[in-house]
Amino acid sequence: GQYYVLVDPVSPSLPIADYLVTFVCPPQNVSCALAEPLSCGQTKISNTSTAPNSLPPNACPFNGAPSNGPVLWYSYPAVADQEVTISTCGQSTFDTRLSVFTGVPDCSNLSCLAMNDDVAGCTGGASEVAISATTGQTYYIAVHGSGSGNGLFSISLFCNAQCTPATGNDACASATPLT
């Protein structure tokens, strides 16, 4: 909500004025166990500035400066087999990184599934990652910065039907040799 505070100046020569005060609640999704759920078509706005660094010891292996700054967590419980895109493209004030984890049975056993730092076509170091989601699997998404980067961002999650038949060479282990 909006609150107005009347400020009475100490000097009679200064005018009395109304000031708009904005209260920003600190985010609660500061760990994987407290991940905020995201659903298809949803966008959420937040700020990593006051969050701790809660990346797991086996965090996704980015090139360059390690992510040692604040982290916020989101979860996507897949309700269908879908192609899912997670994006901060055009929606952040800092160089974001996205790390997507699976955890069996929960956050106590995270495994890096996908990651992105600086997707082509997005300005300001924004990130975007796509995964093939499986019905019933929960995906944990960490939004963090390059190095100690932090700030305002929006995260969007988009879902599309999976391509059928699935592409057989969409992973390094099943790459098609080029001649």
Protein backbone atom coordinates (compact mmCIF):
# COMPACT_ATOMS: atom_id res chain seq x y z
CA GLY A 1 0.00 0.00 0.00
CA GLN A 2 0.88 3.65 -0.02
CA TYR A 3 1.41 5.66 3.13
CA TYR A 4 1.83 9.42 3.37
CA VAL A 5 3.93 10.95 6.11
CA LEU A 6 3.62 14.61 7.05
CA VAL A 7 7.06 16.08 7.70
CA ASP A 8 7.18 19.18 9.87
CA PRO A 9 10.44 21.03 9.13
CA VAL A 10 12.57 22.28 11.99
CA SER A 11 13.02 25.65 10.30
CA PRO A 12 9.95 27.84 9.75
CA SER A 13 11.43 28.95 6.40
CA LEU A 14 11.12 25.42 4.95
CA PRO A 15 7.75 24.37 3.50
CA ILE A 16 5.67 21.57 4.96
CA ALA A 17 5.42 18.77 2.41
CA ASP A 18 3.98 15.31 1.84
CA TYR A 19 6.39 12.49 1.16
CA LEU A 20 5.58 9.13 -0.36
CA VAL A 21 7.20 6.35 1.65
CA THR A 22 7.59 2.94 0.04
CA PHE A 23 8.10 -0.10 2.22
CA VAL A 24 9.94 -2.97 0.60
CA CYS A 25 9.64 -6.26 2.41
CA PRO A 26 12.79 -8.38 2.29
CA PRO A 27 12.39 -11.49 0.16
CA GLN A 28 11.61 -14.75 1.96
CA ASN A 29 12.91 -17.10 -0.76
CA VAL A 30 16.54 -16.90 0.38
CA SER A 31 17.23 -20.65 0.29
CA CYS A 32 16.25 -23.61 -1.81
CA ALA A 33 14.01 -24.91 0.99
CA LEU A 34 12.13 -21.56 0.95
CA ALA A 35 11.87 -21.39 -2.87
CA GLU A 36 8.93 -19.36 -4.16
CA PRO A 37 6.79 -21.34 -6.62
CA LEU A 38 6.55 -20.19 -10.24
CA SER A 39 3.96 -21.37 -12.72
CA CYS A 40 3.67 -21.19 -16.51
CA GLY A 41 3.15 -17.65 -17.81
CA GLN A 42 4.07 -16.03 -14.51
CA THR A 43 6.50 -13.14 -13.92
CA LYS A 44 7.75 -12.15 -10.48
CA ILE A 45 9.72 -9.04 -9.50
CA SER A 46 12.29 -9.08 -6.71
CA ASN A 47 15.62 -7.76 -5.48
CA THR A 48 18.59 -9.90 -4.44
CA SER A 49 20.34 -7.08 -2.55
CA THR A 50 19.44 -8.23 0.97
CA ALA A 51 19.64 -12.00 0.40
CA PRO A 52 22.52 -14.23 1.53
CA ASN A 53 24.60 -16.38 -0.79
CA SER A 54 22.89 -19.76 -0.50
CA LEU A 55 24.24 -21.60 -3.53
CA PRO A 56 25.00 -25.25 -2.75
CA PRO A 57 28.60 -26.51 -2.66
CA ASN A 58 27.99 -28.30 -5.98
CA ALA A 59 26.61 -25.18 -7.71
CA CYS A 60 26.54 -24.98 -11.50
CA PRO A 61 30.12 -24.42 -12.80
CA PHE A 62 30.09 -21.00 -14.51
CA ASN A 63 33.17 -19.65 -16.28
CA GLY A 64 34.59 -16.40 -14.92
CA ALA A 65 34.06 -14.93 -11.48
CA PRO A 66 32.33 -17.29 -9.05
CA SER A 67 28.90 -16.21 -7.82
CA ASN A 68 29.58 -15.08 -4.28
CA GLY A 69 26.76 -12.55 -3.96
CA PRO A 70 23.09 -12.79 -2.98
CA VAL A 71 20.81 -15.57 -4.29
CA LEU A 72 17.03 -15.88 -4.50
CA TRP A 73 15.28 -19.20 -5.15
CA TYR A 74 12.20 -20.22 -7.14
CA SER A 75 10.66 -23.61 -7.82
CA TYR A 76 8.71 -25.02 -10.73
CA PRO A 77 6.75 -28.19 -9.96
CA ALA A 78 6.13 -29.61 -13.45
CA VAL A 79 2.48 -30.50 -14.03
CA ALA A 80 3.15 -31.81 -17.56
CA ASP A 81 6.00 -32.86 -19.84
CA GLN A 82 6.87 -29.43 -21.29
CA GLU A 83 9.59 -27.25 -22.74
CA VAL A 84 10.14 -24.59 -20.07
CA THR A 85 11.99 -21.30 -20.57
CA ILE A 86 13.11 -19.25 -17.57
CA SER A 87 14.24 -15.70 -18.30
CA THR A 88 15.49 -12.42 -16.83
CA CYS A 89 15.96 -11.04 -20.36
CA GLY A 90 15.40 -7.27 -20.43
CA GLN A 91 14.24 -7.41 -16.83
CA SER A 92 17.28 -6.88 -14.59
CA THR A 93 19.50 -4.10 -13.31
CA PHE A 94 22.56 -6.36 -12.91
CA ASP A 95 24.40 -9.17 -14.71
CA THR A 96 22.20 -12.14 -13.76
CA ARG A 97 22.93 -15.83 -13.83
CA LEU A 98 20.33 -18.59 -13.74
CA SER A 99 21.05 -22.01 -12.28
CA VAL A 100 18.44 -24.77 -12.51
CA PHE A 101 18.69 -27.76 -10.19
CA THR A 102 16.84 -30.99 -9.62
CA GLY A 103 16.69 -32.44 -6.15
CA VAL A 104 15.76 -35.96 -5.17
CA PRO A 105 13.78 -35.96 -2.99
CA ASP A 106 14.25 -32.26 -2.15
CA CYS A 107 16.80 -29.45 -1.70
CA SER A 108 19.09 -31.65 0.38
CA ASN A 109 20.45 -33.36 -2.74
CA LEU A 110 20.69 -30.77 -5.55
CA SER A 111 22.15 -31.52 -8.95
CA CYS A 112 22.85 -28.85 -11.59
CA LEU A 113 20.60 -29.43 -14.61
CA ALA A 114 21.08 -26.23 -16.64
CA MET A 115 22.63 -22.78 -16.35
CA ASN A 116 23.02 -19.54 -18.27
CA ASP A 117 24.97 -16.31 -18.00
CA ASP A 118 24.52 -13.57 -20.61
CA VAL A 119 22.19 -15.01 -23.23
CA ALA A 120 22.69 -13.64 -26.76
CA GLY A 121 20.13 -11.00 -27.70
CA CYS A 122 19.50 -9.78 -24.16
CA THR A 123 21.08 -6.58 -22.90
CA GLY A 124 22.78 -5.92 -19.57
CA GLY A 125 23.96 -9.45 -18.95
CA ALA A 126 20.47 -10.94 -18.62
CA SER A 127 20.03 -14.70 -18.66
CA GLU A 128 17.68 -17.26 -20.13
CA VAL A 129 17.65 -21.05 -19.87
CA ALA A 130 15.42 -23.74 -21.39
CA ILE A 131 14.77 -27.19 -19.96
CA SER A 132 12.63 -30.19 -20.85
CA ALA A 133 10.46 -30.61 -17.75
CA THR A 134 9.08 -33.97 -16.69
CA THR A 135 5.69 -34.33 -15.01
CA GLY A 136 6.00 -34.58 -11.23
CA GLN A 137 9.61 -33.31 -11.06
CA THR A 138 10.30 -30.09 -9.13
CA TYR A 139 12.94 -27.80 -10.57
CA TYR A 140 14.76 -25.33 -8.31
CA ILE A 141 15.88 -22.07 -9.91
CA ALA A 142 18.57 -19.85 -8.37
CA VAL A 143 18.80 -16.22 -9.52
CA HIS A 144 22.23 -14.79 -8.74
CA GLY A 145 24.82 -12.50 -10.23
CA SER A 146 28.21 -12.77 -11.79
CA GLY A 147 30.68 -12.33 -8.94
CA SER A 148 28.97 -10.28 -6.24
CA GLY A 149 26.41 -8.75 -8.64
CA ASN A 150 22.97 -8.04 -7.18
CA GLY A 151 19.92 -5.84 -7.67
CA LEU A 152 16.41 -5.67 -9.10
CA PHE A 153 15.12 -8.27 -11.55
CA SER A 154 12.03 -9.90 -12.94
CA ILE A 155 11.92 -13.61 -13.61
CA SER A 156 9.50 -15.07 -16.15
CA LEU A 157 8.61 -18.69 -16.78
CA PHE A 158 7.11 -19.81 -20.11
CA CYS A 159 5.86 -23.30 -21.00
CA ASN A 160 5.30 -24.96 -24.38
CA ALA A 161 4.43 -28.47 -25.46
CA GLN A 162 7.41 -30.75 -25.99
CA CYS A 163 8.47 -31.44 -29.54
CA THR A 164 7.49 -34.90 -30.73
CA PRO A 165 9.46 -36.89 -31.52
CA ALA A 166 12.17 -35.63 -29.15
CA THR A 167 15.47 -34.68 -30.77
CA GLY A 168 17.98 -37.47 -30.24
CA ASN A 169 21.08 -35.28 -30.22
CA ASP A 170 20.13 -32.58 -27.73
CA ALA A 171 22.75 -33.55 -25.15
CA CYS A 172 26.53 -33.71 -25.43
CA ALA A 173 26.57 -37.47 -24.84
CA SER A 174 24.34 -38.05 -27.88
CA ALA A 175 25.86 -35.42 -30.19
CA THR A 176 25.67 -36.02 -33.92
CA PRO A 177 29.18 -36.00 -35.48
CA LEU A 178 29.77 -33.42 -38.20
CA THR A 179 31.89 -34.27 -41.23
